[in-house]
């Protein structure tokens, strides 16, 4: 199998270097690494990072967007350039442990499930500036529609996705102001792809200080739009308790958006 890594980045060449180092230490190196800069305006800084790692990877591609457009647009451009049959997504400020790709590839190669299209790992979330640290160890395999309609338990930095699955759902929804990862995972599950995971902590997600994204106006709007898009599926594929929880959250979010 061939693996393409897609990395969106914005004004964080130092953190990109840390991530690329963690990828360079993989026991199974990817076939290509694609870095999409979201118009940072830091050409010299990024050039230095790319030059440092260029000889390590079989193929290292760097391209900048012409205007700042957000991580989903950067991811979609990277996915469109990917040649691998599987795509690993990771943000510039996260890290992988050395056996991450190898263990995911082993699981895929041993799988007898022709519908397998998505493999993730458990994740360590490291808090900064007062945010809590925690470990995400949620496991759902096979048809994961109901689980994903309940909550987003998959850290985006941990995923390895069949490129065809991403193409079938047209990648990330660029018009959605937040919850783009969760929206994409749901659409992949609804497209009939099965999920699996390596039940080990192989991904490090760095949480940043400041206001939680869950409290920001943009996050609230994205959550509202996601619930509206999948409300019929939530009713038909999850429990009445989940319907009630989601309905109450929806009312709360709508009121908060209205009140500014």
Protein backbone atom coordinates (compact mmCIF):
# COMPACT_ATOMS: atom_id res chain seq x y z
CA UNK A 1 0.00 0.00 0.00
CA UNK A 2 1.07 3.57 -0.68
CA UNK A 3 0.59 6.28 1.95
CA UNK A 4 0.37 10.03 1.36
CA UNK A 5 0.59 12.42 4.32
CA UNK A 6 -1.32 15.71 4.01
CA UNK A 7 -0.43 18.58 6.36
CA UNK A 8 -2.12 22.01 6.42
CA UNK A 9 0.05 24.69 8.01
CA UNK A 10 -0.29 28.37 8.88
CA UNK A 11 2.43 30.57 10.37
CA UNK A 12 3.97 27.71 12.34
CA UNK A 13 7.16 26.62 10.57
CA UNK A 14 8.73 25.68 13.91
CA UNK A 15 5.87 23.33 14.78
CA UNK A 16 5.86 21.94 11.25
CA UNK A 17 9.52 21.04 11.75
CA UNK A 18 8.65 19.19 14.95
CA UNK A 19 5.91 17.25 13.15
CA UNK A 20 8.13 16.40 10.18
CA UNK A 21 10.76 15.09 12.57
CA UNK A 22 8.18 12.77 14.13
CA UNK A 23 7.17 11.57 10.65
CA UNK A 24 10.82 11.04 9.69
CA UNK A 25 11.15 8.70 12.69
CA UNK A 26 8.32 6.45 11.51
CA UNK A 27 9.23 2.77 11.28
CA UNK A 28 7.23 2.82 8.04
CA UNK A 29 7.98 5.97 6.08
CA UNK A 30 5.18 7.38 3.89
CA UNK A 31 5.55 7.42 0.12
CA UNK A 32 4.99 11.16 0.01
CA UNK A 33 4.44 14.11 2.34
CA UNK A 34 2.35 17.03 1.10
CA UNK A 35 2.48 20.32 3.00
CA UNK A 36 -0.03 23.04 2.10
CA UNK A 37 0.68 26.50 3.52
CA UNK A 38 -2.47 28.58 4.03
CA UNK A 39 -0.85 31.78 2.71
CA UNK A 40 1.35 32.43 5.75
CA UNK A 41 3.62 34.90 3.98
CA UNK A 42 6.67 33.17 5.53
CA UNK A 43 8.37 31.81 2.42
CA UNK A 44 11.94 31.89 3.73
CA UNK A 45 11.06 30.24 7.04
CA UNK A 46 9.11 27.45 5.40
CA UNK A 47 11.76 26.97 2.71
CA UNK A 48 14.34 26.32 5.42
CA UNK A 49 12.14 23.66 7.02
CA UNK A 50 11.41 21.92 3.73
CA UNK A 51 15.12 21.96 2.79
CA UNK A 52 15.97 20.33 6.13
CA UNK A 53 13.67 17.35 5.50
CA UNK A 54 13.66 17.12 1.71
CA UNK A 55 16.29 14.38 1.53
CA UNK A 56 14.62 12.26 4.23
CA UNK A 57 11.36 11.54 2.43
CA UNK A 58 10.88 9.82 -0.90
CA UNK A 59 8.77 12.80 -1.99
CA UNK A 60 8.15 16.07 -0.13
CA UNK A 61 5.77 18.55 -1.76
CA UNK A 62 5.25 22.11 -0.52
CA UNK A 63 2.69 24.51 -1.95
CA UNK A 64 1.13 27.76 -0.72
CA UNK A 65 -2.45 28.89 -1.20
CA UNK A 66 -2.77 32.28 -2.90
CA UNK A 67 -5.06 33.58 -0.15
CA UNK A 68 -5.78 32.55 3.41
CA UNK A 69 -8.67 30.10 3.11
CA UNK A 70 -8.65 27.85 6.18
CA UNK A 71 -7.47 24.34 6.99
CA UNK A 72 -10.26 22.47 5.12
CA UNK A 73 -9.28 24.18 1.84
CA UNK A 74 -5.62 23.39 2.46
CA UNK A 75 -6.46 19.75 3.25
CA UNK A 76 -8.58 19.41 0.12
CA UNK A 77 -5.79 20.75 -2.06
CA UNK A 78 -3.35 18.31 -0.47
CA UNK A 79 -5.76 15.41 -0.97
CA UNK A 80 -6.21 16.36 -4.64
CA UNK A 81 -2.43 16.10 -5.10
CA UNK A 82 -2.08 12.81 -3.21
CA UNK A 83 -1.07 9.73 -5.19
CA UNK A 84 -1.24 7.18 -2.39
CA UNK A 85 -4.20 4.86 -2.01
CA UNK A 86 -4.34 5.82 1.68
CA UNK A 87 -4.09 9.36 3.09
CA UNK A 88 -2.85 10.24 6.58
CA UNK A 89 -4.08 13.61 7.83
CA UNK A 90 -2.27 15.56 10.54
CA UNK A 91 -2.09 19.23 11.58
CA UNK A 92 1.23 21.04 11.77
CA UNK A 93 1.18 21.29 15.58
CA UNK A 94 0.63 17.59 16.33
CA UNK A 95 2.99 14.60 16.43
CA UNK A 96 3.10 10.87 15.75
CA UNK A 97 4.82 8.16 17.74
CA UNK A 98 7.29 6.09 15.68
CA UNK A 99 5.17 2.99 14.96
CA UNK A 100 1.94 4.85 14.08
CA UNK A 101 1.88 4.31 10.32
CA UNK A 102 3.38 0.82 10.49
CA UNK A 103 0.73 -0.48 12.87
CA UNK A 104 -2.08 1.09 10.89
CA UNK A 105 -0.71 -0.43 7.68
CA UNK A 106 -0.40 -3.85 9.33
CA UNK A 107 -4.03 -3.69 10.41
CA UNK A 108 -5.16 -2.74 6.90
CA UNK A 109 -3.06 -5.46 5.24
CA UNK A 110 -4.45 -8.12 7.59
CA UNK A 111 -8.06 -6.97 7.34
CA UNK A 112 -10.61 -9.16 5.58
CA UNK A 113 -13.15 -6.33 5.44
CA UNK A 114 -13.58 -5.10 1.84
CA UNK A 115 -15.45 -2.04 3.13
CA UNK A 116 -12.63 -0.88 5.40
CA UNK A 117 -11.83 2.73 4.56
CA UNK A 118 -10.81 4.46 7.77
CA UNK A 119 -8.29 3.55 10.48
CA UNK A 120 -7.52 5.71 13.54
CA UNK A 121 -5.52 5.35 16.75
CA UNK A 122 -5.91 6.27 20.38
CA UNK A 123 -4.50 9.72 21.15
CA UNK A 124 -2.79 11.59 23.96
CA UNK A 125 -4.07 15.16 24.22
CA UNK A 126 -1.54 17.46 25.88
CA UNK A 127 -2.98 20.63 27.39
CA UNK A 128 -1.17 23.94 27.50
CA UNK A 129 -1.76 27.24 29.35
CA UNK A 130 -4.16 25.74 31.85
CA UNK A 131 -6.01 23.33 29.56
CA UNK A 132 -6.38 19.78 30.82
CA UNK A 133 -4.49 16.83 29.38
CA UNK A 134 -6.27 13.56 28.73
CA UNK A 135 -6.05 10.34 26.74
CA UNK A 136 -8.69 9.50 24.11
CA UNK A 137 -9.31 5.74 24.09
CA UNK A 138 -12.68 5.31 22.38
CA UNK A 139 -13.05 2.20 20.21
CA UNK A 140 -15.69 1.64 17.54
CA UNK A 141 -15.21 -0.76 14.64
CA UNK A 142 -17.10 -1.64 11.48
CA UNK A 143 -20.24 0.36 10.72
CA UNK A 144 -19.67 3.47 12.85
CA UNK A 145 -22.56 5.66 11.69
CA UNK A 146 -24.48 5.56 14.98
CA UNK A 147 -21.37 6.14 17.09
CA UNK A 148 -20.29 9.15 15.03
CA UNK A 149 -23.79 10.67 15.03
CA UNK A 150 -23.58 10.57 18.81
CA UNK A 151 -20.21 12.33 19.20
CA UNK A 152 -16.87 12.96 17.52
CA UNK A 153 -14.42 10.64 19.27
CA UNK A 154 -11.78 10.52 16.50
CA UNK A 155 -8.78 12.86 16.68
CA UNK A 156 -8.00 14.11 13.17
CA UNK A 157 -4.23 13.72 13.62
CA UNK A 158 -4.67 9.97 14.11
CA UNK A 159 -6.49 9.04 10.92
CA UNK A 160 -5.46 7.03 7.88
CA UNK A 161 -8.21 7.14 5.26
CA UNK A 162 -8.66 5.42 1.91
CA UNK A 163 -8.20 8.13 -0.71
CA UNK A 164 -11.24 6.84 -2.61
CA UNK A 165 -13.38 7.39 0.50
CA UNK A 166 -12.27 11.02 0.69
CA UNK A 167 -12.97 11.46 -3.01
CA UNK A 168 -16.40 9.83 -2.70
CA UNK A 169 -17.50 12.47 -0.16
CA UNK A 170 -15.71 15.35 -1.94
CA UNK A 171 -13.30 15.87 0.93
CA UNK A 172 -13.85 18.46 3.64
CA UNK A 173 -16.79 20.86 3.49
CA UNK A 174 -15.05 24.23 3.11
CA UNK A 175 -18.21 26.24 3.78
CA UNK A 176 -18.61 24.78 7.28
CA UNK A 177 -17.12 27.21 9.86
CA UNK A 178 -16.22 24.43 12.33
CA UNK A 179 -16.77 20.68 12.94
CA UNK A 180 -15.36 19.94 9.47
CA UNK A 181 -13.53 16.82 10.67
CA UNK A 182 -16.60 15.39 12.40
CA UNK A 183 -18.76 16.18 9.35
CA UNK A 184 -16.29 14.36 7.07
CA UNK A 185 -16.10 11.27 9.29
CA UNK A 186 -19.91 11.03 9.36
CA UNK A 187 -20.18 11.37 5.58
CA UNK A 188 -17.54 8.66 5.05
CA UNK A 189 -19.44 6.32 7.38
CA UNK A 190 -22.73 7.11 5.62
CA UNK A 191 -21.05 6.34 2.28
CA UNK A 192 -20.74 2.73 3.49
CA UNK A 193 -17.11 2.64 4.59
CA UNK A 194 -16.19 0.74 7.73
CA UNK A 195 -13.90 2.00 10.48
CA UNK A 196 -11.20 0.27 12.50
CA UNK A 197 -8.47 1.34 14.87
CA UNK A 198 -5.14 0.49 16.45
CA UNK A 199 -5.88 0.38 20.17
CA UNK A 200 -2.66 2.08 21.21
CA UNK A 201 -1.75 5.70 21.91
CA UNK A 202 0.22 6.53 18.77
CA UNK A 203 -0.76 10.16 18.21
CA UNK A 204 -0.06 13.31 20.22
CA UNK A 205 -2.58 16.13 19.93
CA UNK A 206 -1.37 19.45 21.35
CA UNK A 207 -4.16 21.54 22.85
CA UNK A 208 -3.55 25.29 22.87
CA UNK A 209 -4.42 27.69 25.67
CA UNK A 210 -7.01 30.41 25.52
CA UNK A 211 -10.74 30.20 24.89
CA UNK A 212 -11.97 26.73 24.03
CA UNK A 213 -12.99 26.42 20.40
CA UNK A 214 -16.21 24.90 21.69
CA UNK A 215 -17.14 28.29 23.16
CA UNK A 216 -16.33 30.39 20.10
CA UNK A 217 -19.13 31.81 17.90
CA UNK A 218 -17.66 30.07 14.85
CA UNK A 219 -17.69 26.71 16.65
CA UNK A 220 -21.29 27.17 17.75
CA UNK A 221 -22.41 27.99 14.21
CA UNK A 222 -20.61 24.98 12.78
CA UNK A 223 -22.17 22.70 15.38
CA UNK A 224 -25.64 24.11 14.61
CA UNK A 225 -25.19 23.51 10.87
CA UNK A 226 -23.87 19.98 11.46
CA UNK A 227 -26.91 19.05 13.57
CA UNK A 228 -29.25 20.47 10.93
CA UNK A 229 -27.51 18.53 8.16
CA UNK A 230 -27.72 15.18 9.95
CA UNK A 231 -30.85 15.57 12.09
CA UNK A 232 -32.88 12.96 10.18
CA UNK A 233 -29.99 10.49 10.46
CA UNK A 234 -29.66 11.23 14.20
CA UNK A 235 -33.35 10.38 14.68
CA UNK A 236 -33.26 7.19 12.61
CA UNK A 237 -29.89 5.79 13.64
CA UNK A 238 -29.35 6.76 17.30
CA UNK A 239 -31.25 6.38 20.57
CA UNK A 240 -34.07 8.65 21.85
CA UNK A 241 -31.74 9.74 24.66
CA UNK A 242 -29.28 11.03 22.07
CA UNK A 243 -32.09 12.81 20.17
CA UNK A 244 -33.09 14.63 23.35
CA UNK A 245 -29.51 15.59 24.21
CA UNK A 246 -28.88 16.89 20.71
CA UNK A 247 -32.19 18.78 20.64
CA UNK A 248 -31.42 20.50 23.94
CA UNK A 249 -27.91 21.37 22.78
CA UNK A 250 -29.28 22.70 19.51
CA UNK A 251 -31.74 24.98 21.33
CA UNK A 252 -28.97 26.20 23.62
CA UNK A 253 -26.60 26.92 20.73
CA UNK A 254 -29.28 28.72 18.70
CA UNK A 255 -30.09 30.96 21.67
CA UNK A 256 -26.41 31.74 22.27
CA UNK A 257 -25.87 32.59 18.60
CA UNK A 258 -28.95 34.83 18.62
CA UNK A 259 -27.80 36.61 21.79
CA UNK A 260 -24.29 37.11 20.40
